[in-house]
Amino acid sequence: MARIVVISRRHDRLARLIMENSYAAVAANNFDVELEAGDILCWLPQAGDPVDDEVQQLADLVDRSLFPPQKIVMLSIAGTADDADEAQLKHWYGKRAMQEVWAYQYAIKMIDELELPYVVVRALPLGKGIAQTQIVDEGQPLSGENISEEQLATVLETALTTGKFDNHSIGVMPSK
């Protein structure tokens, strides 16, 4: 099984939940890591992070690594794939929601340009959530108030350990 390198500065349990279920996982709070052959990179930014700047650090990591990541899985806020309107985004992320979406869109485009397998997981804000999740494609609307850390961790684990969502952007929301 491939080693999962989790890049996160989050203060919730999301990174820990992913790592608990992984045979081989390491955590870092920035892209100053050494990649090994077969590593899968899991980037878990959150709303408010300067992802448009941080993606440059990711690109530098790929460029300087002897072994590029086997796959990159990035967590994204909702709204980057025509999946929410401005009113929803402002409700979820505040008055700077559109600037956040544009920063994430830029980061996603940069990851696509790396020409490595990737998965973008677009999720609602974290909260209590409900028991079941629904996966939606780009352009399909996301709805609901939030999703739980456990629900999101399960989807991220699937993206990390299988090829089910490779080279796609998927949305995660509570089942209706």
Protein backbone atom coordinates (compact mmCIF):
# COMPACT_ATOMS: atom_id res chain seq x y z
CA MET A 1 0.00 0.00 0.00
CA ALA A 2 1.25 3.49 -0.86
CA ARG A 3 2.31 5.96 1.80
CA ILE A 4 -0.09 8.88 2.21
CA VAL A 5 1.52 12.26 2.86
CA VAL A 6 -1.05 14.54 4.50
CA ILE A 7 -0.39 18.28 4.23
CA SER A 8 -2.60 20.12 6.72
CA ARG A 9 -2.64 22.98 9.19
CA ARG A 10 -6.23 22.28 10.19
CA HIS A 11 -7.29 22.31 13.84
CA ASP A 12 -10.04 19.74 13.44
CA ARG A 13 -9.81 15.93 13.38
CA LEU A 14 -9.88 15.45 9.59
CA ALA A 15 -6.17 14.68 9.06
CA ARG A 16 -6.12 12.38 12.09
CA LEU A 17 -9.17 10.46 10.89
CA ILE A 18 -7.52 9.85 7.51
CA MET A 19 -4.24 8.80 9.09
CA GLU A 20 -5.87 6.45 11.60
CA ASN A 21 -7.21 4.30 8.78
CA SER A 22 -4.04 4.33 6.69
CA TYR A 23 -1.39 1.67 6.90
CA ALA A 24 1.38 4.13 6.10
CA ALA A 25 0.76 7.83 6.56
CA VAL A 26 2.81 10.86 7.53
CA ALA A 27 1.72 14.39 8.29
CA ALA A 28 3.28 17.76 7.60
CA ASN A 29 2.02 21.32 7.91
CA ASN A 30 3.65 22.52 4.66
CA PHE A 31 5.12 21.26 1.39
CA ASP A 32 8.67 21.03 2.74
CA VAL A 33 8.67 17.22 2.66
CA GLU A 34 10.62 14.50 0.89
CA LEU A 35 8.47 12.35 -1.33
CA GLU A 36 9.19 8.65 -1.75
CA ALA A 37 8.35 6.43 -4.70
CA GLY A 38 4.62 5.76 -4.84
CA ASP A 39 3.56 8.44 -2.34
CA ILE A 40 0.06 9.84 -2.54
CA LEU A 41 -0.24 13.49 -1.55
CA CYS A 42 -3.32 14.61 0.39
CA TRP A 43 -3.66 18.40 0.72
CA LEU A 44 -6.28 19.54 3.21
CA PRO A 45 -6.54 23.35 3.03
CA GLN A 46 -9.48 25.12 4.58
CA ALA A 47 -11.45 28.23 3.74
CA GLY A 48 -9.27 31.26 4.36
CA ASP A 49 -5.99 29.53 3.49
CA PRO A 50 -3.96 31.24 0.72
CA VAL A 51 -4.30 28.24 -1.61
CA ASP A 52 -3.39 30.31 -4.66
CA ASP A 53 0.03 30.91 -3.09
CA GLU A 54 0.41 27.48 -1.48
CA VAL A 55 -0.17 25.68 -4.79
CA GLN A 56 3.09 27.23 -5.96
CA GLN A 57 4.82 25.41 -3.09
CA LEU A 58 3.13 22.20 -4.22
CA ALA A 59 4.39 22.74 -7.78
CA ASP A 60 7.91 23.37 -6.42
CA LEU A 61 7.70 20.13 -4.43
CA VAL A 62 6.76 18.19 -7.55
CA ASP A 63 9.52 19.85 -9.57
CA ARG A 64 12.26 19.15 -7.02
CA SER A 65 11.20 15.59 -6.13
CA LEU A 66 13.00 12.63 -7.54
CA PHE A 67 9.70 10.75 -7.26
CA PRO A 68 6.59 12.79 -8.06
CA PRO A 69 3.44 11.86 -6.17
CA GLN A 70 1.49 8.94 -7.58
CA LYS A 71 -1.65 11.04 -7.09
CA ILE A 72 -2.70 14.35 -5.53
CA VAL A 73 -5.95 14.57 -3.58
CA MET A 74 -6.99 18.12 -2.70
CA LEU A 75 -9.82 19.20 -0.45
CA SER A 76 -11.65 22.22 -1.83
CA ILE A 77 -14.44 24.46 -0.68
CA ALA A 78 -17.72 24.21 -2.56
CA GLY A 79 -18.32 26.58 -5.47
CA THR A 80 -15.34 25.82 -7.67
CA ALA A 81 -17.25 23.75 -10.22
CA ASP A 82 -20.49 25.62 -10.86
CA ASP A 83 -22.04 23.77 -7.94
CA ALA A 84 -23.32 26.67 -5.81
CA ASP A 85 -24.59 30.20 -6.32
CA GLU A 86 -23.10 33.32 -4.75
CA ALA A 87 -25.76 33.52 -2.03
CA GLN A 88 -25.04 29.94 -0.92
CA LEU A 89 -21.30 30.57 -0.95
CA LYS A 90 -21.63 33.73 1.16
CA HIS A 91 -23.83 31.81 3.60
CA TRP A 92 -21.21 29.06 3.93
CA TYR A 93 -17.98 31.11 3.78
CA GLY A 94 -18.82 34.74 4.50
CA LYS A 95 -18.52 37.95 2.51
CA ARG A 96 -15.17 36.98 0.90
CA ALA A 97 -16.62 33.77 -0.51
CA MET A 98 -16.10 34.66 -4.16
CA GLN A 99 -12.44 35.57 -3.62
CA GLU A 100 -12.01 32.22 -1.86
CA VAL A 101 -13.61 30.39 -4.79
CA TRP A 102 -11.33 32.14 -7.29
CA ALA A 103 -8.24 31.24 -5.24
CA TYR A 104 -9.32 27.60 -5.12
CA GLN A 105 -10.10 27.57 -8.84
CA TYR A 106 -6.59 28.81 -9.54
CA ALA A 107 -5.06 26.14 -7.28
CA ILE A 108 -7.13 23.41 -8.95
CA LYS A 109 -6.08 24.61 -12.40
CA MET A 110 -2.43 24.52 -11.33
CA ILE A 111 -2.84 20.95 -10.05
CA ASP A 112 -4.42 19.97 -13.36
CA GLU A 113 -1.45 21.52 -15.20
CA LEU A 114 0.97 19.26 -13.28
CA GLU A 115 -0.36 16.41 -15.45
CA LEU A 116 -0.42 13.97 -12.54
CA PRO A 117 -3.43 11.92 -11.46
CA TYR A 118 -5.52 13.99 -9.07
CA VAL A 119 -8.85 14.16 -7.28
CA VAL A 120 -10.48 17.37 -6.07
CA VAL A 121 -12.99 16.82 -3.28
CA ARG A 122 -15.36 19.78 -2.99
CA ALA A 123 -17.09 19.80 0.37
CA LEU A 124 -19.54 21.84 2.39
CA PRO A 125 -18.25 23.37 5.63
CA LEU A 126 -17.61 20.88 8.42
CA GLY A 127 -20.22 20.49 11.14
CA LYS A 128 -22.46 17.84 12.61
CA GLY A 129 -23.65 16.45 9.29
CA ILE A 130 -25.99 13.50 8.92
CA ALA A 131 -25.36 9.80 8.52
CA GLN A 132 -25.17 9.52 4.72
CA THR A 133 -23.30 11.42 2.02
CA GLN A 134 -23.97 11.95 -1.63
CA ILE A 135 -21.26 12.37 -4.28
CA VAL A 136 -22.04 14.74 -7.15
CA ASP A 137 -20.18 15.60 -10.34
CA GLU A 138 -19.07 19.03 -11.50
CA GLY A 139 -21.95 21.32 -12.40
CA GLN A 140 -24.41 19.52 -10.14
CA PRO A 141 -25.61 21.68 -7.25
CA LEU A 142 -24.37 21.13 -3.71
CA SER A 143 -26.90 21.69 -0.96
CA GLY A 144 -27.16 21.36 2.78
CA GLU A 145 -25.54 23.15 5.68
CA ASN A 146 -22.52 21.02 6.48
CA ILE A 147 -20.88 17.62 6.45
CA SER A 148 -19.23 15.79 9.32
CA GLU A 149 -15.51 15.17 9.62
CA GLU A 150 -16.16 11.42 9.61
CA GLN A 151 -18.20 11.58 6.41
CA LEU A 152 -15.60 13.68 4.63
CA ALA A 153 -12.72 11.50 5.88
CA THR A 154 -14.44 8.43 4.41
CA VAL A 155 -14.76 10.07 0.98
CA LEU A 156 -11.16 11.30 1.09
CA GLU A 157 -9.95 7.80 2.03
CA THR A 158 -11.75 6.38 -1.00
CA ALA A 159 -10.14 9.03 -3.23
CA LEU A 160 -6.73 8.26 -1.72
CA THR A 161 -6.84 4.48 -1.83
CA THR A 162 -8.76 3.73 -5.02
CA GLY A 163 -8.86 4.99 -8.59
CA LYS A 164 -12.63 5.51 -8.40
CA PHE A 165 -12.48 9.32 -8.69
CA ASP A 166 -9.12 9.81 -10.43
CA ASN A 167 -8.86 12.95 -12.55
CA HIS A 168 -12.24 14.22 -11.38
CA SER A 169 -13.65 16.91 -9.17
CA ILE A 170 -16.34 15.47 -6.93
CA GLY A 171 -18.74 17.23 -4.60
CA VAL A 172 -19.68 15.84 -1.18
CA MET A 173 -22.91 16.76 0.55
CA PRO A 174 -25.45 15.16 2.88
CA SER A 175 -27.87 12.76 1.22
CA LYS A 176 -31.29 14.20 0.60
